[in-house]
Amino acid sequence: MKTRHIAFAAAALLAGSAHAQSSVQLYWLLDLSVPSYITHADDAGNHVVGMGNGGEPWFSGSRWGVQGAEDIGSGSKIIFRLESEYRVSDGQMEDPGQIFDRYAWVGLQDNMLGKITVGFQNTIARDAAAIYGDPYGSAHLRTEEGGWTNSNNFKQLIFYSASATGTRSSNSVAWKKLFGNGLYLSAGYAFGNTTTFPTQSNYQVAAGYNGGAFNLSGFYNHTNHLGYTDQAYSFGGNYTFDIVRFNAGRSARRTRGRAARRS
């Protein structure tokens, strides 16, 4: 039996040289609500006094990470990011068994090509929808990952932008570019890593515009998961009046597959 492997590998070597500038940053965030009071925490209507939201972080989640870049000249940088989430209340990992449960990617940042990253990362649809799906995040489209708060009445929108593996993509390639005129374009593909090529795969495209006081974005999401084909669409935006920001958007989802045909 012969096995052939065709692989593309990207590595970030952050070693200083005479022709390149390297930077590595260690960062962290602590999020703990003390005390917290939760009414009707169970079906019996009991209340809970403690830390956090039932043991979970209330606002954004504590995390630590390391990110770096190496300037390779001509407006290009090799970049990487590793980030892990944990709970301050008991010191446990947010996702047991997964050290870097938020980000683990390496990529290229180029003035002409944009930003290309490979690994475990936000879906590009999640980042595009953040400008109208999360009132605490950035109002403008960026090539950086968009954060979503844990306690958010709009958070169901994040699942419209999910991949086959969750609200982040495993085994994925993402491209993002923000043009000088405010136009934003991005696309992403997640490999299923299975013998059946399309199973567990996912592709997305997103577009938007940074208009200053107003910003718009939308995405299309196509996911193959366990015999189902999910398609989701969303568009929205925001407008800022001095210190007040208004967000609005609309989403739709369609599922096809064996179970969908039976229902």
C-alpha atoms as a PDB file:
ATOM      1  CA  MET A   1       0.000   0.000   0.000  1.00  0.00           C
ATOM      2  CA  LYS A   2       1.376   3.351  -1.006  1.00  0.00           C
ATOM      3  CA  THR A   3       0.445   6.604   0.648  1.00  0.00           C
ATOM      4  CA  ARG A   4       1.161   9.955  -0.873  1.00  0.00           C
ATOM      5  CA  HIS A   5       1.034  13.216   0.999  1.00  0.00           C
ATOM      6  CA  ILE A   6       0.819  16.578  -0.695  1.00  0.00           C
ATOM      7  CA  ALA A   7       1.210  19.339   1.859  1.00  0.00           C
ATOM      8  CA  PHE A   8       1.609  23.083   1.970  1.00  0.00           C
ATOM      9  CA  ALA A   9       3.439  24.260   5.065  1.00  0.00           C
ATOM     10  CA  ALA A  10       3.812  27.773   6.399  1.00  0.00           C
ATOM     11  CA  ALA A  11       6.120  28.617   9.264  1.00  0.00           C
ATOM     12  CA  ALA A  12       6.861  31.810  11.128  1.00  0.00           C
ATOM     13  CA  LEU A  13      10.533  31.970  12.104  1.00  0.00           C
ATOM     14  CA  LEU A  14      10.833  34.917  14.437  1.00  0.00           C
ATOM     15  CA  ALA A  15      14.603  35.082  14.593  1.00  0.00           C
ATOM     16  CA  GLY A  16      16.235  38.469  14.265  1.00  0.00           C
ATOM     17  CA  SER A  17      18.478  39.162  11.297  1.00  0.00           C
ATOM     18  CA  ALA A  18      20.243  42.081   9.722  1.00  0.00           C
ATOM     19  CA  HIS A  19      17.539  42.468   7.100  1.00  0.00           C
ATOM     20  CA  ALA A  20      14.348  41.833   9.102  1.00  0.00           C
ATOM     21  CA  GLN A  21      12.664  43.213  12.197  1.00  0.00           C
ATOM     22  CA  SER A  22      10.899  40.758  14.503  1.00  0.00           C
ATOM     23  CA  SER A  23       8.409  41.458  17.277  1.00  0.00           C
ATOM     24  CA  VAL A  24       6.657  39.149  19.726  1.00  0.00           C
ATOM     25  CA  GLN A  25       3.967  40.333  22.148  1.00  0.00           C
ATOM     26  CA  LEU A  26       2.597  38.530  25.184  1.00  0.00           C
ATOM     27  CA  TYR A  27      -0.854  39.778  26.244  1.00  0.00           C
ATOM     28  CA  TRP A  28      -3.665  38.847  28.608  1.00  0.00           C
ATOM     29  CA  LEU A  29      -7.139  39.838  29.775  1.00  0.00           C
ATOM     30  CA  LEU A  30      -8.826  39.064  33.122  1.00  0.00           C
ATOM     31  CA  ASP A  31     -12.625  38.942  33.291  1.00  0.00           C
ATOM     32  CA  LEU A  32     -14.357  38.140  36.578  1.00  0.00           C
ATOM     33  CA  SER A  33     -17.705  39.332  37.970  1.00  0.00           C
ATOM     34  CA  VAL A  34     -17.676  39.534  41.782  1.00  0.00           C
ATOM     35  CA  PRO A  35     -20.205  39.003  43.107  1.00  0.00           C
ATOM     36  CA  SER A  36     -22.755  37.831  40.553  1.00  0.00           C
ATOM     37  CA  TYR A  37     -26.423  37.206  41.327  1.00  0.00           C
ATOM     38  CA  ILE A  38     -28.463  35.008  38.991  1.00  0.00           C
ATOM     39  CA  THR A  39     -32.218  34.758  39.397  1.00  0.00           C
ATOM     40  CA  HIS A  40     -34.081  31.587  38.400  1.00  0.00           C
ATOM     41  CA  ALA A  41     -30.886  29.648  37.754  1.00  0.00           C
ATOM     42  CA  ASP A  42     -32.805  26.366  37.426  1.00  0.00           C
ATOM     43  CA  ASP A  43     -36.313  25.047  36.745  1.00  0.00           C
ATOM     44  CA  ALA A  44     -37.152  25.297  40.454  1.00  0.00           C
ATOM     45  CA  GLY A  45     -36.550  29.062  40.385  1.00  0.00           C
ATOM     46  CA  ASN A  46     -33.548  28.992  42.714  1.00  0.00           C
ATOM     47  CA  HIS A  47     -31.089  31.857  42.775  1.00  0.00           C
ATOM     48  CA  VAL A  48     -27.280  31.670  42.697  1.00  0.00           C
ATOM     49  CA  VAL A  49     -24.746  34.024  44.250  1.00  0.00           C
ATOM     50  CA  GLY A  50     -21.168  33.489  43.115  1.00  0.00           C
ATOM     51  CA  MET A  51     -18.521  34.522  40.615  1.00  0.00           C
ATOM     52  CA  GLY A  52     -19.194  35.011  36.943  1.00  0.00           C
ATOM     53  CA  ASN A  53     -22.223  33.796  35.035  1.00  0.00           C
ATOM     54  CA  GLY A  54     -22.728  30.302  36.434  1.00  0.00           C
ATOM     55  CA  GLY A  55     -18.970  29.808  36.442  1.00  0.00           C
ATOM     56  CA  GLU A  56     -18.600  31.299  32.954  1.00  0.00           C
ATOM     57  CA  PRO A  57     -17.137  34.756  32.288  1.00  0.00           C
ATOM     58  CA  TRP A  58     -19.859  37.360  32.033  1.00  0.00           C
ATOM     59  CA  PHE A  59     -18.539  39.840  29.513  1.00  0.00           C
ATOM     60  CA  SER A  60     -15.795  38.583  27.239  1.00  0.00           C
ATOM     61  CA  GLY A  61     -13.769  35.813  28.835  1.00  0.00           C
ATOM     62  CA  SER A  62     -10.281  35.773  30.321  1.00  0.00           C
ATOM     63  CA  ARG A  63      -7.531  34.867  27.920  1.00  0.00           C
ATOM     64  CA  TRP A  64      -3.796  35.007  27.344  1.00  0.00           C
ATOM     65  CA  GLY A  65      -1.910  34.843  24.101  1.00  0.00           C
ATOM     66  CA  VAL A  66       1.206  35.519  22.110  1.00  0.00           C
ATOM     67  CA  GLN A  67       1.381  37.150  18.705  1.00  0.00           C
ATOM     68  CA  GLY A  68       4.267  38.131  16.529  1.00  0.00           C
ATOM     69  CA  ALA A  69       5.443  39.443  13.195  1.00  0.00           C
ATOM     70  CA  GLU A  70       8.620  39.400  11.142  1.00  0.00           C
ATOM     71  CA  ASP A  71       9.158  42.049   8.518  1.00  0.00           C
ATOM     72  CA  ILE A  72      10.494  40.349   5.385  1.00  0.00           C
ATOM     73  CA  GLY A  73      10.630  43.533   3.327  1.00  0.00           C
ATOM     74  CA  SER A  74       8.692  45.013   0.408  1.00  0.00           C
ATOM     75  CA  GLY A  75       5.664  45.662   2.611  1.00  0.00           C
ATOM     76  CA  SER A  76       5.310  42.015   3.717  1.00  0.00           C
ATOM     77  CA  LYS A  77       5.296  40.392   7.161  1.00  0.00           C
ATOM     78  CA  ILE A  78       5.116  36.827   8.404  1.00  0.00           C
ATOM     79  CA  ILE A  79       2.590  36.851  11.270  1.00  0.00           C
ATOM     80  CA  PHE A  80       1.246  34.396  13.842  1.00  0.00           C
ATOM     81  CA  ARG A  81      -1.129  34.260  16.805  1.00  0.00           C
ATOM     82  CA  LEU A  82      -1.814  31.765  19.617  1.00  0.00           C
ATOM     83  CA  GLU A  83      -4.553  32.468  22.168  1.00  0.00           C
ATOM     84  CA  SER A  84      -6.057  30.469  25.033  1.00  0.00           C
ATOM     85  CA  GLU A  85      -9.141  31.152  27.174  1.00  0.00           C
ATOM     86  CA  TYR A  86      -9.474  30.227  30.860  1.00  0.00           C
ATOM     87  CA  ARG A  87     -11.631  30.950  33.905  1.00  0.00           C
ATOM     88  CA  VAL A  88     -10.320  33.124  36.723  1.00  0.00           C
ATOM     89  CA  SER A  89     -12.948  31.755  39.140  1.00  0.00           C
ATOM     90  CA  ASP A  90     -11.487  28.230  39.253  1.00  0.00           C
ATOM     91  CA  GLY A  91      -8.429  28.275  36.967  1.00  0.00           C
ATOM     92  CA  GLN A  92      -9.913  25.761  34.536  1.00  0.00           C
ATOM     93  CA  MET A  93      -9.510  25.872  30.760  1.00  0.00           C
ATOM     94  CA  GLU A  94     -12.582  27.231  29.005  1.00  0.00           C
ATOM     95  CA  ASP A  95     -12.453  24.280  26.572  1.00  0.00           C
ATOM     96  CA  PRO A  96     -10.875  21.297  28.379  1.00  0.00           C
ATOM     97  CA  GLY A  97      -8.229  19.514  26.344  1.00  0.00           C
ATOM     98  CA  GLN A  98      -7.706  22.355  23.882  1.00  0.00           C
ATOM     99  CA  ILE A  99      -4.844  24.628  24.858  1.00  0.00           C
ATOM    100  CA  PHE A 100      -5.296  27.269  22.166  1.00  0.00           C
ATOM    101  CA  ASP A 101      -9.080  27.307  21.920  1.00  0.00           C
ATOM    102  CA  ARG A 102      -9.378  30.802  20.427  1.00  0.00           C
ATOM    103  CA  TYR A 103      -6.627  31.161  17.838  1.00  0.00           C
ATOM    104  CA  ALA A 104      -3.746  29.133  16.437  1.00  0.00           C
ATOM    105  CA  TRP A 105      -2.696  30.417  13.025  1.00  0.00           C
ATOM    106  CA  VAL A 106       0.238  31.602  10.927  1.00  0.00           C
ATOM    107  CA  GLY A 107       0.095  33.799   7.868  1.00  0.00           C
ATOM    108  CA  LEU A 108       1.256  36.603   5.622  1.00  0.00           C
ATOM    109  CA  GLN A 109       0.418  40.319   5.836  1.00  0.00           C
ATOM    110  CA  ASP A 110       1.137  42.152   2.572  1.00  0.00           C
ATOM    111  CA  ASN A 111       0.316  45.661   1.407  1.00  0.00           C
ATOM    112  CA  MET A 112      -0.838  44.425  -1.999  1.00  0.00           C
ATOM    113  CA  LEU A 113      -2.219  40.950  -1.257  1.00  0.00           C
ATOM    114  CA  GLY A 114      -3.874  41.685   2.076  1.00  0.00           C
ATOM    115  CA  LYS A 115      -3.884  39.259   4.999  1.00  0.00           C
ATOM    116  CA  ILE A 116      -3.715  35.487   4.429  1.00  0.00           C
ATOM    117  CA  THR A 117      -3.840  33.167   7.453  1.00  0.00           C
ATOM    118  CA  VAL A 118      -3.831  29.368   7.844  1.00  0.00           C
ATOM    119  CA  GLY A 119      -4.930  27.341  10.876  1.00  0.00           C
ATOM    120  CA  PHE A 120      -7.572  27.641  13.611  1.00  0.00           C
ATOM    121  CA  GLN A 121      -9.278  31.047  13.512  1.00  0.00           C
ATOM    122  CA  ASN A 122     -12.527  33.004  13.396  1.00  0.00           C
ATOM    123  CA  THR A 123     -14.706  32.390  10.391  1.00  0.00           C
ATOM    124  CA  ILE A 124     -14.547  35.374   8.063  1.00  0.00           C
ATOM    125  CA  ALA A 125     -18.362  35.661   8.260  1.00  0.00           C
ATOM    126  CA  ARG A 126     -18.150  36.001  12.043  1.00  0.00           C
ATOM    127  CA  ASP A 127     -15.716  38.898  11.706  1.00  0.00           C
ATOM    128  CA  ALA A 128     -17.796  40.631   9.021  1.00  0.00           C
ATOM    129  CA  ALA A 129     -21.005  40.396  11.073  1.00  0.00           C
ATOM    130  CA  ALA A 130     -19.385  41.714  14.253  1.00  0.00           C
ATOM    131  CA  ILE A 131     -19.903  45.371  13.252  1.00  0.00           C
ATOM    132  CA  TYR A 132     -23.679  44.997  13.594  1.00  0.00           C
ATOM    133  CA  GLY A 133     -23.980  41.777  15.627  1.00  0.00           C
ATOM    134  CA  ASP A 134     -22.084  42.919  18.729  1.00  0.00           C
ATOM    135  CA  PRO A 135     -22.683  46.404  20.182  1.00  0.00           C
ATOM    136  CA  TYR A 136     -19.428  46.306  22.189  1.00  0.00           C
ATOM    137  CA  GLY A 137     -17.085  45.495  19.305  1.00  0.00           C
ATOM    138  CA  SER A 138     -15.508  47.647  16.630  1.00  0.00           C
ATOM    139  CA  ALA A 139     -17.877  49.731  14.505  1.00  0.00           C
ATOM    140  CA  HIS A 140     -15.517  49.447  11.538  1.00  0.00           C
ATOM    141  CA  LEU A 141     -14.485  46.455   9.456  1.00  0.00           C
ATOM    142  CA  ARG A 142     -10.918  45.324  10.107  1.00  0.00           C
ATOM    143  CA  THR A 143      -8.600  42.519   9.087  1.00  0.00           C
ATOM    144  CA  GLU A 144      -8.201  41.628  12.773  1.00  0.00           C
ATOM    145  CA  GLU A 145     -10.503  39.079  14.433  1.00  0.00           C
ATOM    146  CA  GLY A 146     -13.750  40.541  15.722  1.00  0.00           C
ATOM    147  CA  GLY A 147     -14.656  39.890  19.359  1.00  0.00           C
ATOM    148  CA  TRP A 148     -18.126  38.857  20.560  1.00  0.00           C
ATOM    149  CA  THR A 149     -19.250  39.322  24.155  1.00  0.00           C
ATOM    150  CA  ASN A 150     -20.642  36.353  26.087  1.00  0.00           C
ATOM    151  CA  SER A 151     -23.765  38.159  27.329  1.00  0.00           C
ATOM    152  CA  ASN A 152     -25.373  39.575  24.213  1.00  0.00           C
ATOM    153  CA  ASN A 153     -29.002  39.505  23.092  1.00  0.00           C
ATOM    154  CA  PHE A 154     -27.820  39.381  19.477  1.00  0.00           C
ATOM    155  CA  LYS A 155     -25.371  36.524  19.936  1.00  0.00           C
ATOM    156  CA  GLN A 156     -27.541  33.965  18.105  1.00  0.00           C
ATOM    157  CA  LEU A 157     -26.367  35.675  14.921  1.00  0.00           C
ATOM    158  CA  ILE A 158     -22.894  34.254  15.475  1.00  0.00           C
ATOM    159  CA  PHE A 159     -24.181  30.740  14.726  1.00  0.00           C
ATOM    160  CA  TYR A 160     -25.310  31.810  11.249  1.00  0.00           C
ATOM    161  CA  SER A 161     -21.647  32.534  10.544  1.00  0.00           C
ATOM    162  CA  ALA A 162     -20.348  29.259  12.006  1.00  0.00           C
ATOM    163  CA  SER A 163     -18.315  26.595  10.248  1.00  0.00           C
ATOM    164  CA  ALA A 164     -18.794  22.810  10.445  1.00  0.00           C
ATOM    165  CA  THR A 165     -16.704  22.805  13.632  1.00  0.00           C
ATOM    166  CA  GLY A 166     -18.191  25.808  15.446  1.00  0.00           C
ATOM    167  CA  THR A 167     -17.906  29.580  15.430  1.00  0.00           C
ATOM    168  CA  ARG A 168     -14.240  29.206  14.517  1.00  0.00           C
ATOM    169  CA  SER A 169     -12.786  27.265  11.594  1.00  0.00           C
ATOM    170  CA  SER A 170     -10.349  24.377  11.923  1.00  0.00           C
ATOM    171  CA  ASN A 171      -7.963  23.469   9.085  1.00  0.00           C
ATOM    172  CA  SER A 172      -8.863  26.730   7.372  1.00  0.00           C
ATOM    173  CA  VAL A 173      -7.447  29.329   5.021  1.00  0.00           C
ATOM    174  CA  ALA A 174      -8.681  32.927   5.249  1.00  0.00           C
ATOM    175  CA  TRP A 175      -8.053  36.013   3.115  1.00  0.00           C
ATOM    176  CA  LYS A 176      -8.986  39.565   4.085  1.00  0.00           C
ATOM    177  CA  LYS A 177      -8.229  42.909   2.516  1.00  0.00           C
ATOM    178  CA  LEU A 178      -9.246  46.435   3.429  1.00  0.00           C
ATOM    179  CA  PHE A 179      -8.827  48.802   0.487  1.00  0.00           C
ATOM    180  CA  GLY A 180      -7.974  52.480   0.739  1.00  0.00           C
ATOM    181  CA  ASN A 181     -11.431  53.571  -0.424  1.00  0.00           C
ATOM    182  CA  GLY A 182     -13.132  51.787   2.503  1.00  0.00           C
ATOM    183  CA  LEU A 183     -14.060  48.625   0.564  1.00  0.00           C
ATOM    184  CA  TYR A 184     -13.600  45.376   2.501  1.00  0.00           C
ATOM    185  CA  LEU A 185     -13.453  41.899   0.920  1.00  0.00           C
ATOM    186  CA  SER A 186     -12.754  38.504   2.475  1.00  0.00           C
ATOM    187  CA  ALA A 187     -13.082  34.792   1.736  1.00  0.00           C
ATOM    188  CA  GLY A 188     -12.386  31.601   3.644  1.00  0.00           C
ATOM    189  CA  TYR A 189     -12.312  27.831   3.183  1.00  0.00           C
ATOM    190  CA  ALA A 190     -12.119  25.098   5.841  1.00  0.00           C
ATOM    191  CA  PHE A 191     -10.935  21.631   4.817  1.00  0.00           C
ATOM    192  CA  GLY A 192     -12.881  18.682   6.168  1.00  0.00           C
ATOM    193  CA  ASN A 193      -9.760  16.481   6.571  1.00  0.00           C
ATOM    194  CA  THR A 194     -11.867  13.416   5.706  1.00  0.00           C
ATOM    195  CA  THR A 195     -11.714  10.802   2.939  1.00  0.00           C
ATOM    196  CA  THR A 196     -14.967  12.226   1.589  1.00  0.00           C
ATOM    197  CA  PHE A 197     -13.712  15.572   0.342  1.00  0.00           C
ATOM    198  CA  PRO A 198     -16.695  17.888   0.962  1.00  0.00           C
ATOM    199  CA  THR A 199     -17.707  16.392   4.331  1.00  0.00           C
ATOM    200  CA  GLN A 200     -17.137  18.866   7.186  1.00  0.00           C
ATOM    201  CA  SER A 201     -15.935  21.488   4.695  1.00  0.00           C
ATOM    202  CA  ASN A 202     -17.019  25.089   4.700  1.00  0.00           C
ATOM    203  CA  TYR A 203     -16.607  28.119   2.472  1.00  0.00           C
ATOM    204  CA  GLN A 204     -17.594  31.735   3.042  1.00  0.00           C
ATOM    205  CA  VAL A 205     -17.366  35.110   1.335  1.00  0.00           C
ATOM    206  CA  ALA A 206     -17.957  38.525   2.859  1.00  0.00           C
ATOM    207  CA  ALA A 207     -17.928  42.127   1.720  1.00  0.00           C
ATOM    208  CA  GLY A 208     -18.418  45.492   3.342  1.00  0.00           C
ATOM    209  CA  TYR A 209     -17.750  49.185   3.338  1.00  0.00           C
ATOM    210  CA  ASN A 210     -16.358  51.544   5.961  1.00  0.00           C
ATOM    211  CA  GLY A 211     -18.116  54.844   5.385  1.00  0.00           C
ATOM    212  CA  GLY A 212     -17.063  56.707   8.519  1.00  0.00           C
ATOM    213  CA  ALA A 213     -20.250  57.414  10.451  1.00  0.00           C
ATOM    214  CA  PHE A 214     -21.953  54.461   8.741  1.00  0.00           C
ATOM    215  CA  ASN A 215     -20.548  50.997   7.972  1.00  0.00           C
ATOM    216  CA  LEU A 216     -22.064  48.084   6.052  1.00  0.00           C
ATOM    217  CA  SER A 217     -21.242  44.386   5.655  1.00  0.00           C
ATOM    218  CA  GLY A 218     -22.735  41.069   4.600  1.00  0.00           C
ATOM    219  CA  PHE A 219     -21.748  37.434   4.125  1.00  0.00           C
ATOM    220  CA  TYR A 220     -22.689  34.142   2.482  1.00  0.00           C
ATOM    221  CA  ASN A 221     -21.901  30.906   4.335  1.00  0.00           C
ATOM    222  CA  HIS A 222     -22.001  27.340   2.908  1.00  0.00           C
ATOM    223  CA  THR A 223     -21.319  24.388   5.238  1.00  0.00           C
ATOM    224  CA  ASN A 224     -21.325  20.604   4.711  1.00  0.00           C
ATOM    225  CA  HIS A 225     -21.908  18.813   8.004  1.00  0.00           C
ATOM    226  CA  LEU A 226     -23.035  15.233   8.765  1.00  0.00           C
ATOM    227  CA  GLY A 227     -25.095  14.861   5.593  1.00  0.00           C
ATOM    228  CA  TYR A 228     -26.595  18.335   5.802  1.00  0.00           C
ATOM    229  CA  THR A 229     -25.903  21.336   3.621  1.00  0.00           C
ATOM    230  CA  ASP A 230     -26.390  24.620   5.474  1.00  0.00           C
ATOM    231  CA  GLN A 231     -26.531  27.963   3.714  1.00  0.00           C
ATOM    232  CA  ALA A 232     -26.767  31.238   5.596  1.00  0.00           C
ATOM    233  CA  TYR A 233     -26.997  34.836   4.451  1.00  0.00           C
ATOM    234  CA  SER A 234     -26.717  38.000   6.476  1.00  0.00           C
ATOM    235  CA  PHE A 235     -26.301  41.717   5.928  1.00  0.00           C
ATOM    236  CA  GLY A 236     -26.386  44.743   8.187  1.00  0.00           C
ATOM    237  CA  GLY A 237     -24.546  47.760   9.410  1.00  0.00           C
ATOM    238  CA  ASN A 238     -24.318  50.548  11.944  1.00  0.00           C
ATOM    239  CA  TYR A 239     -24.567  54.315  12.198  1.00  0.00           C
ATOM    240  CA  THR A 240     -22.940  56.433  14.893  1.00  0.00           C
ATOM    241  CA  PHE A 241     -24.476  59.683  16.180  1.00  0.00           C
ATOM    242  CA  ASP A 242     -21.831  61.314  18.380  1.00  0.00           C
ATOM    243  CA  ILE A 243     -21.610  58.816  21.276  1.00  0.00           C
ATOM    244  CA  VAL A 244     -24.657  56.685  20.315  1.00  0.00           C
ATOM    245  CA  ARG A 245     -24.402  53.815  17.843  1.00  0.00           C
ATOM    246  CA  PHE A 246     -27.302  52.035  16.138  1.00  0.00           C
ATOM    247  CA  ASN A 247     -26.852  48.494  14.800  1.00  0.00           C
ATOM    248  CA  ALA A 248     -29.265  46.653  12.510  1.00  0.00           C
ATOM    249  CA  GLY A 249     -29.131  43.531  10.373  1.00  0.00           C
ATOM    250  CA  ARG A 250     -31.031  40.629   8.864  1.00  0.00           C
ATOM    251  CA  SER A 251     -30.148  36.931   8.538  1.00  0.00           C
ATOM    252  CA  ALA A 252     -31.600  33.831   6.896  1.00  0.00           C
ATOM    253  CA  ARG A 253     -30.646  30.164   6.938  1.00  0.00           C
ATOM    254  CA  ARG A 254     -31.581  27.157   4.816  1.00  0.00           C
ATOM    255  CA  THR A 255     -30.748  23.503   5.557  1.00  0.00           C
ATOM    256  CA  ARG A 256     -30.837  20.626   3.078  1.00  0.00           C
ATOM    257  CA  GLY A 257     -30.180  16.944   3.679  1.00  0.00           C
ATOM    258  CA  ARG A 258     -31.762  13.635   4.600  1.00  0.00           C
ATOM    259  CA  ALA A 259     -33.416  14.951   7.786  1.00  0.00           C
ATOM    260  CA  ALA A 260     -34.480  18.162   6.037  1.00  0.00           C
ATOM    261  CA  ARG A 261     -36.254  16.171   3.295  1.00  0.00           C
ATOM    262  CA  ARG A 262     -38.107  14.042   5.857  1.00  0.00           C
ATOM    263  CA  SER A 263     -39.377  17.033   7.833  1.00  0.00           C
END
